Amino acid sequence: SLADAKAQMRVDSADEDALIQRLIHAAGLAVERRSGFVAGEREHAFQFDRFDRALELRLRPVEASTIGITYLDSSGDSQSVTEFRVIERHGTTRILPAIGSAWPTAICEPGAVTVTATVGFASSDEDGAANAPANVLHAVRVCVAKWFNDREEGPLPPAFDQLLDDERLRRV
């Protein structure tokens, strides 16, 4: 939140609030790129070229009850898949066909399979991060403070990557 970032940087005035808000947003995106964690809930469409054994959703957290799957059939018509399994393992959400069934055949086209879901942390604050892990929140604070104090481009401090290292999405 704005108040949290200002406390981290020991900023008392409101003079820089707009800049700090922009930095918070940019830092949230940097964390999302590195770890897959999404600040604030939003609807997201994941695109796949085909059905693999499992469809892996690379953002988190994912609200499993909101998942919807559509695909383009061999005629190019949009179809829905209603029976599938959702497995969350090691921080990654995977979608598999229902037990005893297989994925339907999709047309061979980029983006032929679309999975929509609500991703991100439900929150009680304006920035959507209240429920994120403490190390992820602190990585955002480190990033905002770095960019606020050093307004020129430069590498993020090692603490940023160290805080996110355990949270990186890895293939299992």
Protein backbone atom coordinates (compact mmCIF):
# COMPACT_ATOMS: atom_id res chain seq x y z
CA SER A 1 0.00 0.00 0.00
CA LEU A 2 1.00 3.62 -0.27
CA ALA A 3 1.25 3.91 3.51
CA ASP A 4 3.43 0.80 3.71
CA ALA A 5 5.79 2.03 1.00
CA LYS A 6 6.07 5.47 2.60
CA ALA A 7 6.84 3.90 5.98
CA GLN A 8 9.57 1.75 4.37
CA MET A 9 11.17 4.84 2.85
CA ARG A 10 10.48 7.16 5.82
CA VAL A 11 8.49 9.57 3.65
CA ASP A 12 6.07 11.75 5.64
CA SER A 13 4.68 14.20 3.09
CA ALA A 14 2.12 13.58 0.36
CA ASP A 15 4.23 15.42 -2.22
CA GLU A 16 5.50 12.22 -3.87
CA ASP A 17 2.35 10.07 -3.52
CA ALA A 18 1.62 9.87 -7.25
CA LEU A 19 5.18 8.78 -8.01
CA ILE A 20 5.17 6.23 -5.20
CA GLN A 21 1.87 4.78 -6.47
CA ARG A 22 3.39 4.37 -9.95
CA LEU A 23 6.47 2.71 -8.43
CA ILE A 24 4.28 0.32 -6.42
CA HIS A 25 2.47 -0.69 -9.61
CA ALA A 26 5.74 -1.17 -11.52
CA ALA A 27 7.27 -3.13 -8.63
CA GLY A 28 4.21 -5.39 -8.53
CA LEU A 29 4.70 -6.12 -12.22
CA ALA A 30 8.41 -6.86 -11.63
CA VAL A 31 7.48 -9.32 -8.88
CA GLU A 32 4.85 -10.89 -11.14
CA ARG A 33 7.40 -11.43 -13.93
CA ARG A 34 9.91 -13.01 -11.56
CA SER A 35 7.63 -15.09 -9.34
CA GLY A 36 4.20 -15.34 -10.95
CA PHE A 37 2.51 -13.74 -7.93
CA VAL A 38 -0.24 -11.31 -8.91
CA ALA A 39 -1.16 -8.38 -6.67
CA GLY A 40 -4.90 -7.78 -6.73
CA GLU A 41 -7.49 -10.07 -8.23
CA ARG A 42 -8.10 -9.93 -11.95
CA GLU A 43 -9.47 -12.09 -14.73
CA HIS A 44 -6.70 -13.52 -16.91
CA ALA A 45 -6.79 -15.46 -20.19
CA PHE A 46 -4.04 -18.05 -20.63
CA GLN A 47 -3.43 -19.01 -24.27
CA PHE A 48 -2.15 -22.41 -25.42
CA ASP A 49 -1.51 -23.68 -28.95
CA ARG A 50 -2.84 -27.15 -28.11
CA PHE A 51 -3.92 -29.37 -25.26
CA ASP A 52 -0.85 -30.78 -23.52
CA ARG A 53 -1.01 -33.56 -20.96
CA ALA A 54 -1.49 -30.79 -18.38
CA LEU A 55 -2.17 -27.10 -18.94
CA GLU A 56 0.09 -25.17 -16.58
CA LEU A 57 -1.08 -21.76 -15.38
CA ARG A 58 2.00 -19.64 -14.68
CA LEU A 59 0.39 -16.98 -12.51
CA ARG A 60 -0.70 -17.39 -8.92
CA PRO A 61 -2.74 -17.74 -6.91
CA VAL A 62 -5.52 -19.08 -9.14
CA GLU A 63 -9.10 -19.33 -7.93
CA ALA A 64 -9.89 -22.87 -9.14
CA SER A 65 -13.66 -22.37 -9.08
CA THR A 66 -13.38 -19.62 -11.74
CA ILE A 67 -11.52 -21.69 -14.35
CA GLY A 68 -13.13 -21.97 -17.76
CA ILE A 69 -11.71 -23.69 -20.84
CA THR A 70 -12.57 -23.06 -24.48
CA TYR A 71 -10.91 -24.31 -27.63
CA LEU A 72 -11.26 -24.09 -31.39
CA ASP A 73 -12.42 -27.37 -32.93
CA SER A 74 -11.35 -28.64 -36.37
CA SER A 75 -13.95 -26.35 -38.01
CA GLY A 76 -12.64 -23.31 -36.15
CA ASP A 77 -15.73 -23.11 -33.93
CA SER A 78 -15.35 -22.30 -30.24
CA GLN A 79 -16.22 -25.15 -27.89
CA SER A 80 -16.17 -25.44 -24.09
CA VAL A 81 -14.61 -28.11 -21.93
CA THR A 82 -16.65 -28.69 -18.80
CA GLU A 83 -15.01 -31.75 -17.25
CA PHE A 84 -11.44 -31.38 -16.04
CA ARG A 85 -9.33 -31.67 -12.90
CA VAL A 86 -7.42 -28.86 -11.20
CA ILE A 87 -4.29 -29.73 -9.27
CA GLU A 88 -2.19 -27.20 -7.38
CA ARG A 89 1.32 -28.44 -6.71
CA HIS A 90 4.44 -26.55 -5.73
CA GLY A 91 2.68 -23.23 -6.26
CA THR A 92 1.61 -24.03 -9.80
CA THR A 93 -1.92 -24.76 -10.95
CA ARG A 94 -2.24 -27.55 -13.48
CA ILE A 95 -5.37 -28.56 -15.35
CA LEU A 96 -5.80 -32.13 -16.56
CA PRO A 97 -8.63 -33.97 -18.31
CA ALA A 98 -11.19 -35.60 -16.04
CA ILE A 99 -10.25 -39.10 -14.90
CA GLY A 100 -11.16 -41.61 -17.58
CA SER A 101 -11.29 -39.01 -20.36
CA ALA A 102 -8.95 -37.22 -22.73
CA TRP A 103 -8.70 -33.70 -24.02
CA PRO A 104 -10.74 -33.00 -27.16
CA THR A 105 -8.95 -32.38 -30.44
CA ALA A 106 -8.26 -28.70 -31.04
CA ILE A 107 -7.34 -27.10 -34.34
CA CYS A 108 -3.60 -26.63 -34.87
CA GLU A 109 -3.50 -22.84 -34.43
CA PRO A 110 -1.67 -20.46 -32.12
CA GLY A 111 -3.93 -19.71 -29.15
CA ALA A 112 -6.38 -22.49 -30.03
CA VAL A 113 -6.96 -23.26 -26.34
CA THR A 114 -7.93 -20.55 -23.86
CA VAL A 115 -8.15 -20.95 -20.11
CA THR A 116 -9.73 -18.07 -18.20
CA ALA A 117 -9.47 -17.73 -14.44
CA THR A 118 -9.38 -15.24 -11.64
CA VAL A 119 -5.78 -14.81 -10.50
CA GLY A 120 -4.18 -12.78 -7.75
CA PHE A 121 -4.56 -12.14 -4.07
CA ALA A 122 -7.91 -11.08 -2.72
CA SER A 123 -7.09 -8.20 -0.49
CA SER A 124 -8.36 -5.68 1.92
CA ASP A 125 -6.02 -2.93 0.74
CA GLU A 126 -6.12 -0.76 -2.36
CA ASP A 127 -3.14 -2.41 -4.02
CA GLY A 128 -4.27 -6.00 -3.77
CA ALA A 129 -1.39 -7.45 -1.85
CA ALA A 130 -2.60 -7.78 1.74
CA ASN A 131 -2.66 -11.58 1.57
CA ALA A 132 0.63 -12.09 -0.30
CA PRO A 133 3.53 -13.88 1.41
CA ALA A 134 5.68 -11.60 3.58
CA ASN A 135 8.82 -12.10 1.48
CA VAL A 136 6.95 -11.13 -1.69
CA LEU A 137 5.58 -7.98 -0.05
CA HIS A 138 9.05 -7.06 1.15
CA ALA A 139 10.48 -7.58 -2.36
CA VAL A 140 7.99 -4.95 -3.56
CA ARG A 141 9.08 -2.60 -0.75
CA VAL A 142 12.77 -3.09 -1.68
CA CYS A 143 12.02 -2.41 -5.34
CA VAL A 144 9.95 0.73 -4.63
CA ALA A 145 12.59 2.12 -2.26
CA LYS A 146 15.39 1.48 -4.77
CA TRP A 147 13.55 3.22 -7.59
CA PHE A 148 12.43 6.07 -5.36
CA ASN A 149 15.89 6.77 -3.95
CA ASP A 150 17.77 6.18 -7.20
CA ARG A 151 15.57 7.58 -9.93
CA GLU A 152 18.00 6.61 -12.65
CA GLU A 153 17.80 3.14 -14.11
CA GLY A 154 19.97 0.58 -12.47
CA PRO A 155 19.93 -3.01 -11.31
CA LEU A 156 17.74 -3.98 -8.41
CA PRO A 157 19.60 -4.84 -5.22
CA PRO A 158 20.43 -8.51 -4.60
CA ALA A 159 17.85 -8.56 -1.79
CA PHE A 160 15.07 -8.36 -4.40
CA ASP A 161 16.09 -11.63 -6.06
CA GLN A 162 16.95 -13.26 -2.72
CA LEU A 163 13.49 -12.52 -1.38
CA LEU A 164 11.85 -14.05 -4.45
CA ASP A 165 14.22 -16.98 -4.99
CA ASP A 166 12.11 -19.50 -3.05
CA GLU A 167 8.98 -18.27 -4.83
CA ARG A 168 10.12 -18.70 -8.43
CA LEU A 169 7.96 -20.97 -10.53
CA ARG A 170 9.92 -24.03 -11.46
CA ARG A 171 9.10 -27.00 -13.63
CA VAL A 172 8.31 -30.12 -11.66
